[in-house]
Each structure stands twice: as structure tokens, then as C-alpha cells.
Amino acid sequence: MAFQKMRDNASSAVAVVDDSDRLIDVLSVSDLKILGENMDKVHLITESVEEFVRLKSDRIPPVLVTPLDTVGHVSQLFLQDKIHRVYVVDSEQSRRPIGVIGLQDFLTLFLPKQQ
């Protein structure tokens, strides 16, 4: 279902939240690579998001910022962590997602289209 939503919304990732809407992980299209690595894991495509995320071999915690963080801080995160997106949460304590900044969004801000 999550991968279908990504396809339907032309998105490469979705935030995974718990029952309290706290951001706990990210599921991305690159996570599908575990299906190609081991055919014994093909059944995971029908599992719940919770189970799929739990079984991911390369779990990297989501990179978070708050509305109070600066654009400079976000740019440092993109460069130092070599990531494709950062999630904006309402606070570090609640971790409730309120937005996402993708690398493409960031590049568009600083590199206008050539005419």
C-alpha cells in the first residue's frame, strides 16, 4: 500500500509514523532493493509498513529539522549526510511531521531554471 501511494503521488518516499503521529522511519523506493537482494524476501511487499521497516537491513534514522532551523543548517545536512530529503517536524520532542524538504526543492531554491 505504501509503495502504491508513492507511485500514485509521484513520490520517492513516505514518512512512517507511530500511533501518536511521531515520525519513526522513512520508507523509500530504494528500500525495494532488499527484494532484489534475496528472493526469499519477496513476500515483504505484501507485509505491513511496520513489518517491512522492521526488517530493513540498512535502517538509517530519518534526518529531522524544525521550523526554527536555518536554510544553512539544512544545506549542511544535505552535504554532510548525503541525503535526499529532510523531514520538518513540529518539535524535536513530538517529532510530528509537518513537511519535507527534498534535495530537488533545495536545488530549485538556489539554482533557477536556465532559459
PDB file of N, CA and C in Angstrom:
ATOM      1  N   MET A   1       0.816  -1.192   0.000  1.00  0.00           N
ATOM      2  CA  MET A   1       0.000   0.000   0.000  1.00  0.00           C
ATOM      3  C   MET A   1       0.868   1.267   0.000  1.00  0.00           C
ATOM      4  N   ALA A   2       1.915   1.305   0.810  1.00  0.00           N
ATOM      5  CA  ALA A   2       2.778   2.491   0.869  1.00  0.00           C
ATOM      6  C   ALA A   2       3.465   2.721  -0.470  1.00  0.00           C
ATOM      7  N   PHE A   3       3.931   1.640  -1.106  1.00  0.00           N
ATOM      8  CA  PHE A   3       4.599   1.799  -2.397  1.00  0.00           C
ATOM      9  C   PHE A   3       3.597   2.243  -3.462  1.00  0.00           C
ATOM     10  N   GLN A   4       2.352   1.804  -3.359  1.00  0.00           N
ATOM     11  CA  GLN A   4       1.312   2.263  -4.287  1.00  0.00           C
ATOM     12  C   GLN A   4       1.062   3.753  -4.111  1.00  0.00           C
ATOM     13  N   LYS A   5       1.053   4.227  -2.854  1.00  0.00           N
ATOM     14  CA  LYS A   5       0.862   5.655  -2.604  1.00  0.00           C
ATOM     15  C   LYS A   5       2.018   6.465  -3.186  1.00  0.00           C
ATOM     16  N   MET A   6       3.222   5.941  -3.061  1.00  0.00           N
ATOM     17  CA  MET A   6       4.371   6.637  -3.655  1.00  0.00           C
ATOM     18  C   MET A   6       4.199   6.743  -5.161  1.00  0.00           C
ATOM     19  N   ARG A   7       3.794   5.650  -5.773  1.00  0.00           N
ATOM     20  CA  ARG A   7       3.578   5.653  -7.222  1.00  0.00           C
ATOM     21  C   ARG A   7       2.467   6.631  -7.596  1.00  0.00           C
ATOM     22  N   ASP A   8       1.340   6.548  -6.906  1.00  0.00           N
ATOM     23  CA  ASP A   8       0.182   7.383  -7.230  1.00  0.00           C
ATOM     24  C   ASP A   8       0.460   8.876  -7.037  1.00  0.00           C
ATOM     25  N   ASN A   9       1.325   9.204  -6.077  1.00  0.00           N
ATOM     26  CA  ASN A   9       1.641  10.597  -5.780  1.00  0.00           C
ATOM     27  C   ASN A   9       2.967  11.050  -6.387  1.00  0.00           C
ATOM     28  N   ALA A  10       3.563  10.198  -7.209  1.00  0.00           N
ATOM     29  CA  ALA A  10       4.858  10.510  -7.840  1.00  0.00           C
ATOM     30  C   ALA A  10       5.875  10.949  -6.791  1.00  0.00           C
ATOM     31  N   SER A  11       5.931  10.189  -5.713  1.00  0.00           N
ATOM     32  CA  SER A  11       6.836  10.487  -4.603  1.00  0.00           C
ATOM     33  C   SER A  11       7.833   9.347  -4.460  1.00  0.00           C
ATOM     34  N   SER A  12       9.023   9.664  -3.997  1.00  0.00           N
ATOM     35  CA  SER A  12      10.026   8.616  -3.832  1.00  0.00           C
ATOM     36  C   SER A  12      10.147   8.130  -2.393  1.00  0.00           C
ATOM     37  N   ALA A  13       9.371   8.733  -1.475  1.00  0.00           N
ATOM     38  CA  ALA A  13       9.447   8.313  -0.073  1.00  0.00           C
ATOM     39  C   ALA A  13       8.202   8.769   0.689  1.00  0.00           C
ATOM     40  N   VAL A  14       7.941   8.077   1.781  1.00  0.00           N
ATOM     41  CA  VAL A  14       6.864   8.469   2.695  1.00  0.00           C
ATOM     42  C   VAL A  14       7.377   8.373   4.128  1.00  0.00           C
ATOM     43  N   ALA A  15       6.852   9.259   4.953  1.00  0.00           N
ATOM     44  CA  ALA A  15       7.183   9.210   6.380  1.00  0.00           C
ATOM     45  C   ALA A  15       6.385   8.086   7.032  1.00  0.00           C
ATOM     46  N   VAL A  16       7.008   7.412   7.960  1.00  0.00           N
ATOM     47  CA  VAL A  16       6.326   6.367   8.732  1.00  0.00           C
ATOM     48  C   VAL A  16       6.164   6.902  10.146  1.00  0.00           C
ATOM     49  N   VAL A  17       4.917   6.951  10.603  1.00  0.00           N
ATOM     50  CA  VAL A  17       4.627   7.478  11.934  1.00  0.00           C
ATOM     51  C   VAL A  17       4.015   6.391  12.806  1.00  0.00           C
ATOM     52  N   ASP A  18       4.143   6.562  14.118  1.00  0.00           N
ATOM     53  CA  ASP A  18       3.524   5.619  15.043  1.00  0.00           C
ATOM     54  C   ASP A  18       2.104   6.080  15.378  1.00  0.00           C
ATOM     55  N   ASP A  19       1.478   5.438  16.348  1.00  0.00           N
ATOM     56  CA  ASP A  19       0.096   5.758  16.718  1.00  0.00           C
ATOM     57  C   ASP A  19      -0.068   7.177  17.249  1.00  0.00           C
ATOM     58  N   SER A  20       1.029   7.792  17.675  1.00  0.00           N
ATOM     59  CA  SER A  20       0.989   9.160  18.183  1.00  0.00           C
ATOM     60  C   SER A  20       1.406  10.180  17.118  1.00  0.00           C
ATOM     61  N   ASP A  21       1.483   9.745  15.867  1.00  0.00           N
ATOM     62  CA  ASP A  21       1.928  10.576  14.747  1.00  0.00           C
ATOM     63  C   ASP A  21       3.380  11.014  14.889  1.00  0.00           C
ATOM     64  N   ARG A  22       4.150  10.287  15.650  1.00  0.00           N
ATOM     65  CA  ARG A  22       5.579  10.556  15.836  1.00  0.00           C
ATOM     66  C   ARG A  22       6.347   9.896  14.692  1.00  0.00           C
ATOM     67  N   LEU A  23       7.193  10.672  14.000  1.00  0.00           N
ATOM     68  CA  LEU A  23       7.981  10.141  12.894  1.00  0.00           C
ATOM     69  C   LEU A  23       8.978   9.115  13.418  1.00  0.00           C
ATOM     70  N   ILE A  24       8.878   7.893  12.910  1.00  0.00           N
ATOM     71  CA  ILE A  24       9.770   6.838  13.394  1.00  0.00           C
ATOM     72  C   ILE A  24      10.707   6.304  12.314  1.00  0.00           C
ATOM     73  N   ASP A  25      10.345   6.493  11.042  1.00  0.00           N
ATOM     74  CA  ASP A  25      11.191   5.984   9.973  1.00  0.00           C
ATOM     75  C   ASP A  25      10.738   6.585   8.645  1.00  0.00           C
ATOM     76  N   VAL A  26      11.439   6.218   7.599  1.00  0.00           N
ATOM     77  CA  VAL A  26      11.102   6.635   6.242  1.00  0.00           C
ATOM     78  C   VAL A  26      11.128   5.391   5.378  1.00  0.00           C
ATOM     79  N   LEU A  27      10.147   5.283   4.518  1.00  0.00           N
ATOM     80  CA  LEU A  27      10.110   4.201   3.555  1.00  0.00           C
ATOM     81  C   LEU A  27      10.305   4.836   2.183  1.00  0.00           C
ATOM     82  N   SER A  28      11.300   4.364   1.437  1.00  0.00           N
ATOM     83  CA  SER A  28      11.582   4.958   0.130  1.00  0.00           C
ATOM     84  C   SER A  28      11.646   3.872  -0.937  1.00  0.00           C
ATOM     85  N   VAL A  29      11.565   4.315  -2.187  1.00  0.00           N
ATOM     86  CA  VAL A  29      11.624   3.344  -3.280  1.00  0.00           C
ATOM     87  C   VAL A  29      12.948   2.581  -3.273  1.00  0.00           C
ATOM     88  N   SER A  30      13.995   3.181  -2.761  1.00  0.00           N
ATOM     89  CA  SER A  30      15.271   2.460  -2.701  1.00  0.00           C
ATOM     90  C   SER A  30      15.214   1.286  -1.722  1.00  0.00           C
ATOM     91  N   ASP A  31      14.229   1.291  -0.823  1.00  0.00           N
ATOM     92  CA  ASP A  31      14.068   0.158   0.084  1.00  0.00           C
ATOM     93  C   ASP A  31      13.623  -1.105  -0.641  1.00  0.00           C
ATOM     94  N   LEU A  32      13.110  -0.950  -1.843  1.00  0.00           N
ATOM     95  CA  LEU A  32      12.724  -2.118  -2.635  1.00  0.00           C
ATOM     96  C   LEU A  32      13.923  -2.978  -3.009  1.00  0.00           C
ATOM     97  N   LYS A  33      15.120  -2.419  -2.886  1.00  0.00           N
ATOM     98  CA  LYS A  33      16.316  -3.186  -3.269  1.00  0.00           C
ATOM     99  C   LYS A  33      16.468  -4.447  -2.432  1.00  0.00           C
ATOM    100  N   ILE A  34      15.909  -4.476  -1.226  1.00  0.00           N
ATOM    101  CA  ILE A  34      16.042  -5.695  -0.416  1.00  0.00           C
ATOM    102  C   ILE A  34      15.309  -6.859  -1.061  1.00  0.00           C
ATOM    103  N   LEU A  35      14.311  -6.552  -1.887  1.00  0.00           N
ATOM    104  CA  LEU A  35      13.601  -7.628  -2.577  1.00  0.00           C
ATOM    105  C   LEU A  35      14.473  -8.242  -3.659  1.00  0.00           C
ATOM    106  N   GLY A  36      15.300  -7.441  -4.291  1.00  0.00           N
ATOM    107  CA  GLY A  36      16.179  -7.943  -5.335  1.00  0.00           C
ATOM    108  C   GLY A  36      17.408  -8.643  -4.792  1.00  0.00           C
ATOM    109  N   GLU A  37      17.793  -8.318  -3.574  1.00  0.00           N
ATOM    110  CA  GLU A  37      18.988  -8.918  -2.975  1.00  0.00           C
ATOM    111  C   GLU A  37      18.760 -10.367  -2.585  1.00  0.00           C
ATOM    112  N   ASN A  38      17.532 -10.687  -2.220  1.00  0.00           N
ATOM    113  CA  ASN A  38      17.254 -12.021  -1.700  1.00  0.00           C
ATOM    114  C   ASN A  38      15.811 -12.377  -2.046  1.00  0.00           C
ATOM    115  N   MET A  39      15.629 -13.300  -2.952  1.00  0.00           N
ATOM    116  CA  MET A  39      14.276 -13.664  -3.394  1.00  0.00           C
ATOM    117  C   MET A  39      13.441 -14.243  -2.248  1.00  0.00           C
ATOM    118  N   ASP A  40      14.079 -14.655  -1.166  1.00  0.00           N
ATOM    119  CA  ASP A  40      13.329 -15.145  -0.014  1.00  0.00           C
ATOM    120  C   ASP A  40      12.534 -14.025   0.660  1.00  0.00           C
ATOM    121  N   LYS A  41      12.842 -12.773   0.325  1.00  0.00           N
ATOM    122  CA  LYS A  41      12.176 -11.640   0.962  1.00  0.00           C
ATOM    123  C   LYS A  41      11.059 -11.028   0.102  1.00  0.00           C
ATOM    124  N   VAL A  42      10.740 -11.637  -1.023  1.00  0.00           N
ATOM    125  CA  VAL A  42       9.718 -11.091  -1.915  1.00  0.00           C
ATOM    126  C   VAL A  42       8.379 -10.946  -1.189  1.00  0.00           C
ATOM    127  N   HIS A  43       8.094 -11.817  -0.250  1.00  0.00           N
ATOM    128  CA  HIS A  43       6.819 -11.739   0.493  1.00  0.00           C
ATOM    129  C   HIS A  43       6.669 -10.423   1.265  1.00  0.00           C
ATOM    130  N   LEU A  44       7.772  -9.727   1.513  1.00  0.00           N
ATOM    131  CA  LEU A  44       7.708  -8.481   2.283  1.00  0.00           C
ATOM    132  C   LEU A  44       6.870  -7.405   1.595  1.00  0.00           C
ATOM    133  N   ILE A  45       6.735  -7.493   0.292  1.00  0.00           N
ATOM    134  CA  ILE A  45       5.980  -6.483  -0.435  1.00  0.00           C
ATOM    135  C   ILE A  45       4.515  -6.466   0.000  1.00  0.00           C
ATOM    136  N   THR A  46       4.044  -7.574   0.543  1.00  0.00           N
ATOM    137  CA  THR A  46       2.650  -7.640   0.995  1.00  0.00           C
ATOM    138  C   THR A  46       2.514  -7.435   2.506  1.00  0.00           C
ATOM    139  N   GLU A  47       3.631  -7.270   3.185  1.00  0.00           N
ATOM    140  CA  GLU A  47       3.603  -7.070   4.638  1.00  0.00           C
ATOM    141  C   GLU A  47       3.179  -5.640   4.972  1.00  0.00           C
ATOM    142  N   SER A  48       2.871  -5.430   6.223  1.00  0.00           N
ATOM    143  CA  SER A  48       2.550  -4.080   6.682  1.00  0.00           C
ATOM    144  C   SER A  48       3.811  -3.219   6.615  1.00  0.00           C
ATOM    145  N   VAL A  49       3.604  -1.921   6.576  1.00  0.00           N
ATOM    146  CA  VAL A  49       4.743  -0.996   6.579  1.00  0.00           C
ATOM    147  C   VAL A  49       5.583  -1.228   7.825  1.00  0.00           C
ATOM    148  N   GLU A  50       4.919  -1.421   8.951  1.00  0.00           N
ATOM    149  CA  GLU A  50       5.632  -1.653  10.207  1.00  0.00           C
ATOM    150  C   GLU A  50       6.585  -2.843  10.091  1.00  0.00           C
ATOM    151  N   GLU A  51       6.111  -3.946   9.529  1.00  0.00           N
ATOM    152  CA  GLU A  51       6.940  -5.139   9.385  1.00  0.00           C
ATOM    153  C   GLU A  51       8.047  -4.926   8.360  1.00  0.00           C
ATOM    154  N   PHE A  52       7.724  -4.287   7.252  1.00  0.00           N
ATOM    155  CA  PHE A  52       8.723  -4.032   6.218  1.00  0.00           C
ATOM    156  C   PHE A  52       9.859  -3.187   6.779  1.00  0.00           C
ATOM    157  N   VAL A  53       9.514  -2.114   7.481  1.00  0.00           N
ATOM    158  CA  VAL A  53      10.524  -1.216   8.055  1.00  0.00           C
ATOM    159  C   VAL A  53      11.348  -1.948   9.107  1.00  0.00           C
ATOM    160  N   ARG A  54      10.706  -2.762   9.902  1.00  0.00           N
ATOM    161  CA  ARG A  54      11.418  -3.508  10.953  1.00  0.00           C
ATOM    162  C   ARG A  54      12.479  -4.428  10.352  1.00  0.00           C
ATOM    163  N   LEU A  55      12.205  -4.972   9.187  1.00  0.00           N
ATOM    164  CA  LEU A  55      13.111  -5.937   8.575  1.00  0.00           C
ATOM    165  C   LEU A  55      14.132  -5.317   7.626  1.00  0.00           C
ATOM    166  N   LYS A  56      14.058  -4.001   7.445  1.00  0.00           N
ATOM    167  CA  LYS A  56      15.048  -3.351   6.578  1.00  0.00           C
ATOM    168  C   LYS A  56      16.440  -3.566   7.159  1.00  0.00           C
ATOM    169  N   SER A  57      17.358  -3.953   6.296  1.00  0.00           N
ATOM    170  CA  SER A  57      18.709  -4.248   6.780  1.00  0.00           C
ATOM    171  C   SER A  57      19.548  -2.991   6.974  1.00  0.00           C
ATOM    172  N   ASP A  58      19.236  -1.927   6.258  1.00  0.00           N
ATOM    173  CA  ASP A  58      20.074  -0.724   6.312  1.00  0.00           C
ATOM    174  C   ASP A  58      19.307   0.449   6.921  1.00  0.00           C
ATOM    175  N   ARG A  59      18.743   0.235   8.084  1.00  0.00           N
ATOM    176  CA  ARG A  59      17.933   1.275   8.712  1.00  0.00           C
ATOM    177  C   ARG A  59      18.786   2.481   9.069  1.00  0.00           C
ATOM    178  N   ILE A  60      18.440   3.576   8.456  1.00  0.00           N
ATOM    179  CA  ILE A  60      19.094   4.847   8.748  1.00  0.00           C
ATOM    180  C   ILE A  60      18.004   5.762   9.294  1.00  0.00           C
ATOM    181  N   PRO A  61      18.210   6.323  10.469  1.00  0.00           N
ATOM    182  CA  PRO A  61      17.149   7.158  11.031  1.00  0.00           C
ATOM    183  C   PRO A  61      16.871   8.374  10.147  1.00  0.00           C
ATOM    184  N   PRO A  62      15.601   8.798  10.096  1.00  0.00           N
ATOM    185  CA  PRO A  62      15.287   9.975   9.290  1.00  0.00           C
ATOM    186  C   PRO A  62      16.002  11.212   9.810  1.00  0.00           C
ATOM    187  N   VAL A  63      16.377  12.091   8.900  1.00  0.00           N
ATOM    188  CA  VAL A  63      17.029  13.344   9.270  1.00  0.00           C
ATOM    189  C   VAL A  63      15.925  14.376   9.483  1.00  0.00           C
ATOM    190  N   LEU A  64      15.941  15.001  10.659  1.00  0.00           N
ATOM    191  CA  LEU A  64      14.867  15.900  11.063  1.00  0.00           C
ATOM    192  C   LEU A  64      15.363  17.320  11.284  1.00  0.00           C
ATOM    193  N   VAL A  65      14.490  18.267  10.967  1.00  0.00           N
ATOM    194  CA  VAL A  65      14.711  19.668  11.307  1.00  0.00           C
ATOM    195  C   VAL A  65      13.396  20.211  11.852  1.00  0.00           C
ATOM    196  N   THR A  66      13.467  21.356  12.499  1.00  0.00           N
ATOM    197  CA  THR A  66      12.267  22.034  12.978  1.00  0.00           C
ATOM    198  C   THR A  66      12.117  23.346  12.204  1.00  0.00           C
ATOM    199  N   PRO A  67      10.953  23.977  12.291  1.00  0.00           N
ATOM    200  CA  PRO A  67      10.785  25.261  11.595  1.00  0.00           C
ATOM    201  C   PRO A  67      11.777  26.332  12.037  1.00  0.00           C
ATOM    202  N   LEU A  68      12.401  26.157  13.183  1.00  0.00           N
ATOM    203  CA  LEU A  68      13.366  27.138  13.675  1.00  0.00           C
ATOM    204  C   LEU A  68      14.767  26.951  13.091  1.00  0.00           C
ATOM    205  N   ASP A  69      15.022  25.806  12.452  1.00  0.00           N
ATOM    206  CA  ASP A  69      16.330  25.579  11.840  1.00  0.00           C
ATOM    207  C   ASP A  69      16.501  26.479  10.618  1.00  0.00           C
ATOM    208  N   THR A  70      17.737  26.801  10.315  1.00  0.00           N
ATOM    209  CA  THR A  70      18.021  27.706   9.197  1.00  0.00           C
ATOM    210  C   THR A  70      18.227  26.934   7.893  1.00  0.00           C
ATOM    211  N   VAL A  71      18.113  27.639   6.794  1.00  0.00           N
ATOM    212  CA  VAL A  71      18.393  27.057   5.486  1.00  0.00           C
ATOM    213  C   VAL A  71      19.857  26.609   5.434  1.00  0.00           C
ATOM    214  N   GLY A  72      20.736  27.362   6.072  1.00  0.00           N
ATOM    215  CA  GLY A  72      22.140  26.972   6.143  1.00  0.00           C
ATOM    216  C   GLY A  72      22.330  25.634   6.824  1.00  0.00           C
ATOM    217  N   HIS A  73      21.588  25.419   7.896  1.00  0.00           N
ATOM    218  CA  HIS A  73      21.663  24.133   8.607  1.00  0.00           C
ATOM    219  C   HIS A  73      21.172  22.996   7.708  1.00  0.00           C
ATOM    220  N   VAL A  74      20.078  23.243   6.994  1.00  0.00           N
ATOM    221  CA  VAL A  74      19.546  22.224   6.088  1.00  0.00           C
ATOM    222  C   VAL A  74      20.569  21.908   5.004  1.00  0.00           C
ATOM    223  N   SER A  75      21.222  22.926   4.456  1.00  0.00           N
ATOM    224  CA  SER A  75      22.227  22.685   3.413  1.00  0.00           C
ATOM    225  C   SER A  75      23.389  21.863   3.956  1.00  0.00           C
ATOM    226  N   GLN A  76      23.787  22.117   5.192  1.00  0.00           N
ATOM    227  CA  GLN A  76      24.858  21.313   5.805  1.00  0.00           C
ATOM    228  C   GLN A  76      24.436  19.855   5.921  1.00  0.00           C
ATOM    229  N   LEU A  77      23.180  19.621   6.293  1.00  0.00           N
ATOM    230  CA  LEU A  77      22.687  18.248   6.416  1.00  0.00           C
ATOM    231  C   LEU A  77      22.720  17.535   5.063  1.00  0.00           C
ATOM    232  N   PHE A  78      22.282  18.221   4.009  1.00  0.00           N
ATOM    233  CA  PHE A  78      22.321  17.608   2.676  1.00  0.00           C
ATOM    234  C   PHE A  78      23.740  17.230   2.295  1.00  0.00           C
ATOM    235  N   LEU A  79      24.696  18.104   2.598  1.00  0.00           N
ATOM    236  CA  LEU A  79      26.086  17.844   2.214  1.00  0.00           C
ATOM    237  C   LEU A  79      26.754  16.796   3.097  1.00  0.00           C
ATOM    238  N   GLN A  80      26.619  16.930   4.406  1.00  0.00           N
ATOM    239  CA  GLN A  80      27.354  16.018   5.292  1.00  0.00           C
ATOM    240  C   GLN A  80      26.737  14.630   5.366  1.00  0.00           C
ATOM    241  N   ASP A  81      25.408  14.533   5.290  1.00  0.00           N
ATOM    242  CA  ASP A  81      24.763  13.233   5.422  1.00  0.00           C
ATOM    243  C   ASP A  81      24.479  12.559   4.082  1.00  0.00           C
ATOM    244  N   LYS A  82      24.717  13.292   2.979  1.00  0.00           N
ATOM    245  CA  LYS A  82      24.479  12.754   1.631  1.00  0.00           C
ATOM    246  C   LYS A  82      23.079  12.154   1.528  1.00  0.00           C
ATOM    247  N   ILE A  83      22.093  12.978   1.837  1.00  0.00           N
ATOM    248  CA  ILE A  83      20.700  12.545   1.882  1.00  0.00           C
ATOM    249  C   ILE A  83      19.898  13.182   0.757  1.00  0.00           C
ATOM    250  N   HIS A  84      18.698  12.667   0.547  1.00  0.00           N
ATOM    251  CA  HIS A  84      17.812  13.175  -0.496  1.00  0.00           C
ATOM    252  C   HIS A  84      16.678  14.033   0.052  1.00  0.00           C
ATOM    253  N   ARG A  85      16.439  13.937   1.361  1.00  0.00           N
ATOM    254  CA  ARG A  85      15.336  14.699   1.951  1.00  0.00           C
ATOM    255  C   ARG A  85      15.545  14.850   3.454  1.00  0.00           C
ATOM    256  N   VAL A  86      14.979  15.926   3.990  1.00  0.00           N
ATOM    257  CA  VAL A  86      14.906  16.106   5.445  1.00  0.00           C
ATOM    258  C   VAL A  86      13.440  16.317   5.793  1.00  0.00           C
ATOM    259  N   TYR A  87      13.052  15.808   6.920  1.00  0.00           N
ATOM    260  CA  TYR A  87      11.669  15.956   7.371  1.00  0.00           C
ATOM    261  C   TYR A  87      11.584  17.089   8.377  1.00  0.00           C
ATOM    262  N   VAL A  88      10.601  17.948   8.179  1.00  0.00           N
ATOM    263  CA  VAL A  88      10.352  19.052   9.096  1.00  0.00           C
ATOM    264  C   VAL A  88       9.318  18.545  10.107  1.00  0.00           C
ATOM    265  N   VAL A  89       9.693  18.600  11.379  1.00  0.00           N
ATOM    266  CA  VAL A  89       8.790  18.167  12.453  1.00  0.00           C
ATOM    267  C   VAL A  89       8.444  19.367  13.317  1.00  0.00           C
ATOM    268  N   ASP A  90       7.305  19.280  14.000  1.00  0.00           N
ATOM    269  CA  ASP A  90       6.867  20.433  14.785  1.00  0.00           C
ATOM    270  C   ASP A  90       7.798  20.718  15.958  1.00  0.00           C
ATOM    271  N   SER A  91       8.377  19.681  16.535  1.00  0.00           N
ATOM    272  CA  SER A  91       9.376  19.854  17.591  1.00  0.00           C
ATOM    273  C   SER A  91      10.201  18.576  17.704  1.00  0.00           C
ATOM    274  N   GLU A  92      11.368  18.696  18.298  1.00  0.00           N
ATOM    275  CA  GLU A  92      12.214  17.518  18.464  1.00  0.00           C
ATOM    276  C   GLU A  92      11.578  16.509  19.409  1.00  0.00           C
ATOM    277  N   GLN A  93      10.763  16.980  20.336  1.00  0.00           N
ATOM    278  CA  GLN A  93      10.136  16.089  21.299  1.00  0.00           C
ATOM    279  C   GLN A  93       8.995  15.287  20.673  1.00  0.00           C
ATOM    280  N   SER A  94       8.067  15.958  20.015  1.00  0.00           N
ATOM    281  CA  SER A  94       6.897  15.250  19.480  1.00  0.00           C
ATOM    282  C   SER A  94       7.194  14.556  18.156  1.00  0.00           C
ATOM    283  N   ARG A  95       8.125  15.104  17.366  1.00  0.00           N
ATOM    284  CA  ARG A  95       8.531  14.540  16.071  1.00  0.00           C
ATOM    285  C   ARG A  95       7.353  14.351  15.123  1.00  0.00           C
ATOM    286  N   ARG A  96       6.351  15.216  15.235  1.00  0.00           N
ATOM    287  CA  ARG A  96       5.184  15.149  14.349  1.00  0.00           C
ATOM    288  C   ARG A  96       5.535  15.828  13.027  1.00  0.00           C
ATOM    289  N   PRO A  97       5.525  15.078  11.908  1.00  0.00           N
ATOM    290  CA  PRO A  97       5.928  15.670  10.637  1.00  0.00           C
ATOM    291  C   PRO A  97       4.942  16.728  10.149  1.00  0.00           C
ATOM    292  N   ILE A  98       5.509  17.840   9.678  1.00  0.00           N
ATOM    293  CA  ILE A  98       4.676  18.909   9.118  1.00  0.00           C
ATOM    294  C   ILE A  98       5.110  19.250   7.691  1.00  0.00           C
ATOM    295  N   GLY A  99       6.208  18.647   7.239  1.00  0.00           N
ATOM    296  CA  GLY A  99       6.660  18.898   5.882  1.00  0.00           C
ATOM    297  C   GLY A  99       7.914  18.109   5.565  1.00  0.00           C
ATOM    298  N   VAL A 100       8.319  18.228   4.322  1.00  0.00           N
ATOM    299  CA  VAL A 100       9.538  17.567   3.869  1.00  0.00           C
ATOM    300  C   VAL A 100      10.229  18.493   2.877  1.00  0.00           C
ATOM    301  N   ILE A 101      11.538  18.535   2.964  1.00  0.00           N
ATOM    302  CA  ILE A 101      12.341  19.302   2.019  1.00  0.00           C
ATOM    303  C   ILE A 101      13.195  18.297   1.260  1.00  0.00           C
ATOM    304  N   GLY A 102      12.906  18.170  -0.017  1.00  0.00           N
ATOM    305  CA  GLY A 102      13.676  17.262  -0.855  1.00  0.00           C
ATOM    306  C   GLY A 102      14.881  17.976  -1.439  1.00  0.00           C
ATOM    307  N   LEU A 103      15.858  17.230  -1.823  1.00  0.00           N
ATOM    308  CA  LEU A 103      17.051  17.814  -2.433  1.00  0.00           C
ATOM    309  C   LEU A 103      16.677  18.627  -3.669  1.00  0.00           C
ATOM    310  N   GLN A 104      15.725  18.133  -4.450  1.00  0.00           N
ATOM    311  CA  GLN A 104      15.284  18.862  -5.634  1.00  0.00           C
ATOM    312  C   GLN A 104      14.672  20.203  -5.243  1.00  0.00           C
ATOM    313  N   ASP A 105      13.882  20.240  -4.170  1.00  0.00           N
ATOM    314  CA  ASP A 105      13.314  21.506  -3.689  1.00  0.00           C
ATOM    315  C   ASP A 105      14.427  22.486  -3.338  1.00  0.00           C
ATOM    316  N   PHE A 106      15.417  21.971  -2.656  1.00  0.00           N
ATOM    317  CA  PHE A 106      16.517  22.794  -2.203  1.00  0.00           C
ATOM    318  C   PHE A 106      17.309  23.355  -3.382  1.00  0.00           C
ATOM    319  N   LEU A 107      17.579  22.501  -4.368  1.00  0.00           N
ATOM    320  CA  LEU A 107      18.325  22.949  -5.544  1.00  0.00           C
ATOM    321  C   LEU A 107      17.537  23.989  -6.334  1.00  0.00           C
ATOM    322  N   THR A 108      16.236  23.800  -6.448  1.00  0.00           N
ATOM    323  CA  THR A 108      15.379  24.761  -7.168  1.00  0.00           C
ATOM    324  C   THR A 108      15.420  26.128  -6.523  1.00  0.00           C
ATOM    325  N   LEU A 109      15.534  26.161  -5.209  1.00  0.00           N
ATOM    326  CA  LEU A 109      15.588  27.426  -4.481  1.00  0.00           C
ATOM    327  C   LEU A 109      16.821  28.234  -4.886  1.00  0.00           C
ATOM    328  N   PHE A 110      17.942  27.565  -5.083  1.00  0.00           N
ATOM    329  CA  PHE A 110      19.198  28.253  -5.338  1.00  0.00           C
ATOM    330  C   PHE A 110      19.668  28.249  -6.784  1.00  0.00           C
ATOM    331  N   LEU A 111      19.141  27.341  -7.576  1.00  0.00           N
ATOM    332  CA  LEU A 111      19.562  27.242  -8.971  1.00  0.00           C
ATOM    333  C   LEU A 111      18.351  27.428  -9.877  1.00  0.00           C
ATOM    334  N   PRO A 112      18.067  28.669 -10.267  1.00  0.00           N
ATOM    335  CA  PRO A 112      16.898  28.880 -11.134  1.00  0.00           C
ATOM    336  C   PRO A 112      17.078  28.184 -12.482  1.00  0.00           C
ATOM    337  N   LYS A 113      15.941  27.875 -13.118  1.00  0.00           N
ATOM    338  CA  LYS A 113      15.983  27.223 -14.420  1.00  0.00           C
ATOM    339  C   LYS A 113      16.682  28.105 -15.443  1.00  0.00           C
ATOM    340  N   GLN A 114      17.476  27.471 -16.293  1.00  0.00           N
ATOM    341  CA  GLN A 114      18.149  28.173 -17.378  1.00  0.00           C
ATOM    342  C   GLN A 114      17.151  28.382 -18.509  1.00  0.00           C
ATOM    343  N   GLN A 115      17.207  29.541 -19.120  1.00  0.00           N
ATOM    344  CA  GLN A 115      16.260  29.818 -20.206  1.00  0.00           C
ATOM    345  C   GLN A 115      16.831  29.485 -21.551  1.00  0.00           C
TER     346      GLN A 115
END
